[in-house]
C-alpha cells in the first residue's frame, strides 16, 4: 500500500475524529440531540469502513463496537441491566420527549433474566396522545 494512500486515510480519519469530538461536546449541552448522535454514528461508520479497507483491524473493530452503540442510541434501542433477587419487585419508569403533537404508538417493553428466559415481564404497547405542554 502506498504512503500517499495511508496519508490520505490518516488525514480523513483525523477529520472524522474532529467531527466526532465536536458532536460529543455538543451532546454535553444537549444530550438528546439526534443530529449529533447521527453525526457520530455516520463518522464511526465511515471510519470503520475505511480502516477495514486499509487493513487497520484494531481501528475497524473498535469503531464497529462504537458504531453499534450509537446506532442503538440513535434508534432508541438502549438496554439496561440490573440485579434483582427472588421475590423482589422492581419498578422501571420510562420518560419520553416528544417533539410534535399527535398520536403515537408506544411500543411494548419487555425484560427477562439474562440466563433464564422463564423469568420475564412485558408491558403491552399502546397509543398515546402528545399534547402541548402546560409550561
Protein backbone atom coordinates (compact mmCIF):
# COMPACT_ATOMS: atom_id res chain seq x y z
CA UNK A 1 0.00 0.00 0.00
CA UNK A 2 1.43 3.39 -0.95
CA UNK A 3 2.38 6.02 1.58
CA UNK A 4 0.14 8.51 -0.26
CA UNK A 5 -2.94 6.32 0.34
CA UNK A 6 -2.06 5.88 4.01
CA UNK A 7 -1.52 9.64 4.37
CA UNK A 8 -4.94 10.23 2.80
CA UNK A 9 -6.53 7.76 5.23
CA UNK A 10 -4.83 9.45 8.21
CA UNK A 11 -5.96 12.91 7.09
CA UNK A 12 -9.56 11.77 6.59
CA UNK A 13 -9.54 9.83 9.87
CA UNK A 14 -8.33 12.95 11.69
CA UNK A 15 -11.20 14.95 10.16
CA UNK A 16 -13.69 12.30 11.29
CA UNK A 17 -12.27 12.31 14.83
CA UNK A 18 -12.60 16.12 14.93
CA UNK A 19 -16.24 15.78 13.78
CA UNK A 20 -16.88 13.16 16.47
CA UNK A 21 -15.29 15.37 19.13
CA UNK A 22 -17.43 18.37 18.11
CA UNK A 23 -20.60 16.26 18.24
CA UNK A 24 -19.66 14.81 21.65
CA UNK A 25 -19.02 18.29 23.04
CA UNK A 26 -22.42 19.41 21.72
CA UNK A 27 -24.05 16.38 23.38
CA UNK A 28 -22.74 17.59 26.74
CA UNK A 29 -25.13 20.55 26.39
CA UNK A 30 -27.93 18.80 24.53
CA UNK A 31 -27.87 15.09 25.42
CA UNK A 32 -30.79 14.12 23.20
CA UNK A 33 -29.61 15.96 20.07
CA UNK A 34 -30.44 13.41 17.37
CA UNK A 35 -28.37 15.26 14.74
CA UNK A 36 -25.23 14.90 16.89
CA UNK A 37 -25.96 11.25 17.61
CA UNK A 38 -26.46 10.58 13.89
CA UNK A 39 -23.28 12.50 13.04
CA UNK A 40 -21.28 10.36 15.46
CA UNK A 41 -22.83 7.20 14.02
CA UNK A 42 -22.01 8.25 10.43
CA UNK A 43 -18.43 9.19 11.32
CA UNK A 44 -17.90 5.88 13.13
CA UNK A 45 -19.40 4.01 10.16
CA UNK A 46 -17.09 5.79 7.70
CA UNK A 47 -14.04 5.31 9.90
CA UNK A 48 -14.88 1.62 10.36
CA UNK A 49 -15.17 1.03 6.62
CA UNK A 50 -12.06 2.99 5.68
CA UNK A 51 -9.89 1.41 8.38
CA UNK A 52 -11.09 -2.05 7.35
CA UNK A 53 -10.32 -1.31 3.71
CA UNK A 54 -6.77 -0.26 4.63
CA UNK A 55 -6.25 -3.31 6.85
CA UNK A 56 -6.28 -1.49 10.19
CA UNK A 57 -8.20 -4.22 12.02
CA UNK A 58 -7.91 -2.77 15.52
CA UNK A 59 -9.38 0.58 14.47
CA UNK A 60 -12.08 -1.18 12.47
CA UNK A 61 -13.03 -3.40 15.44
CA UNK A 62 -13.20 -0.54 17.93
CA UNK A 63 -15.21 1.71 15.62
CA UNK A 64 -17.54 -1.20 14.81
CA UNK A 65 -18.43 -1.53 18.50
CA UNK A 66 -18.82 2.23 18.95
CA UNK A 67 -20.92 2.42 15.78
CA UNK A 68 -23.23 -0.27 17.18
CA UNK A 69 -23.63 1.63 20.45
CA UNK A 70 -24.53 4.86 18.66
CA UNK A 71 -26.86 3.00 16.31
CA UNK A 72 -28.77 1.68 19.32
CA UNK A 73 -28.89 5.16 20.85
CA UNK A 74 -29.96 6.70 17.53
CA UNK A 75 -32.66 4.05 17.02
CA UNK A 76 -33.85 4.22 20.67
CA UNK A 77 -32.73 0.66 21.44
CA UNK A 78 -30.83 1.12 24.67
CA UNK A 79 -30.64 -1.82 27.03
CA UNK A 80 -30.30 -1.65 30.81
CA UNK A 81 -29.06 -4.36 33.14
CA UNK A 82 -29.81 -4.74 36.82
CA UNK A 83 -29.80 -7.34 39.58
CA UNK A 84 -33.00 -8.49 41.21
CA UNK A 85 -33.39 -11.09 43.98
CA UNK A 86 -36.01 -13.83 44.10
CA UNK A 87 -39.46 -12.46 45.01
CA UNK A 88 -38.20 -8.88 44.73
CA UNK A 89 -40.04 -6.41 42.54
CA UNK A 90 -38.55 -3.57 40.60
CA UNK A 91 -40.42 -0.66 39.06
CA UNK A 92 -38.89 0.85 35.97
CA UNK A 93 -40.10 4.27 34.89
CA UNK A 94 -39.55 5.48 31.35
CA UNK A 95 -39.85 9.07 30.27
CA UNK A 96 -40.08 10.25 26.70
CA UNK A 97 -39.62 13.55 24.97
CA UNK A 98 -41.94 14.21 22.03
CA UNK A 99 -41.14 16.92 19.53
CA UNK A 100 -44.51 17.00 17.83
CA UNK A 101 -48.12 16.80 18.94
CA UNK A 102 -50.20 13.90 17.70
CA UNK A 103 -50.97 10.23 18.25
CA UNK A 104 -48.01 7.86 18.53
CA UNK A 105 -47.63 4.19 19.26
CA UNK A 106 -45.62 3.48 22.40
CA UNK A 107 -44.08 0.04 21.81
CA UNK A 108 -44.14 -2.79 24.31
CA UNK A 109 -41.36 -3.02 26.88
CA UNK A 110 -40.01 -6.41 27.83
CA UNK A 111 -37.46 -7.64 30.35
CA UNK A 112 -36.05 -11.05 31.06
CA UNK A 113 -33.36 -12.68 33.13
CA UNK A 114 -30.08 -12.85 31.27
CA UNK A 115 -29.62 -16.60 31.60
CA UNK A 116 -33.16 -17.76 32.31
CA UNK A 117 -35.83 -16.79 29.78
CA UNK A 118 -38.54 -18.28 32.00
CA UNK A 119 -38.20 -15.18 34.21
CA UNK A 120 -39.64 -12.28 32.29
CA UNK A 121 -42.17 -9.47 32.23
CA UNK A 122 -43.71 -7.43 29.46
CA UNK A 123 -45.91 -4.38 29.15
CA UNK A 124 -48.28 -4.03 26.24
CA UNK A 125 -47.79 -1.40 23.59
CA UNK A 126 -50.34 1.37 23.46
CA UNK A 127 -51.32 4.50 21.60
CA UNK A 128 -50.52 7.77 23.35
CA UNK A 129 -51.63 11.30 22.54
CA UNK A 130 -48.99 14.01 22.75
CA UNK A 131 -50.40 17.43 23.60
CA UNK A 132 -48.86 20.84 24.06
CA UNK A 133 -47.13 21.21 27.41
CA UNK A 134 -48.81 23.40 30.02
CA UNK A 135 -45.47 25.02 30.94
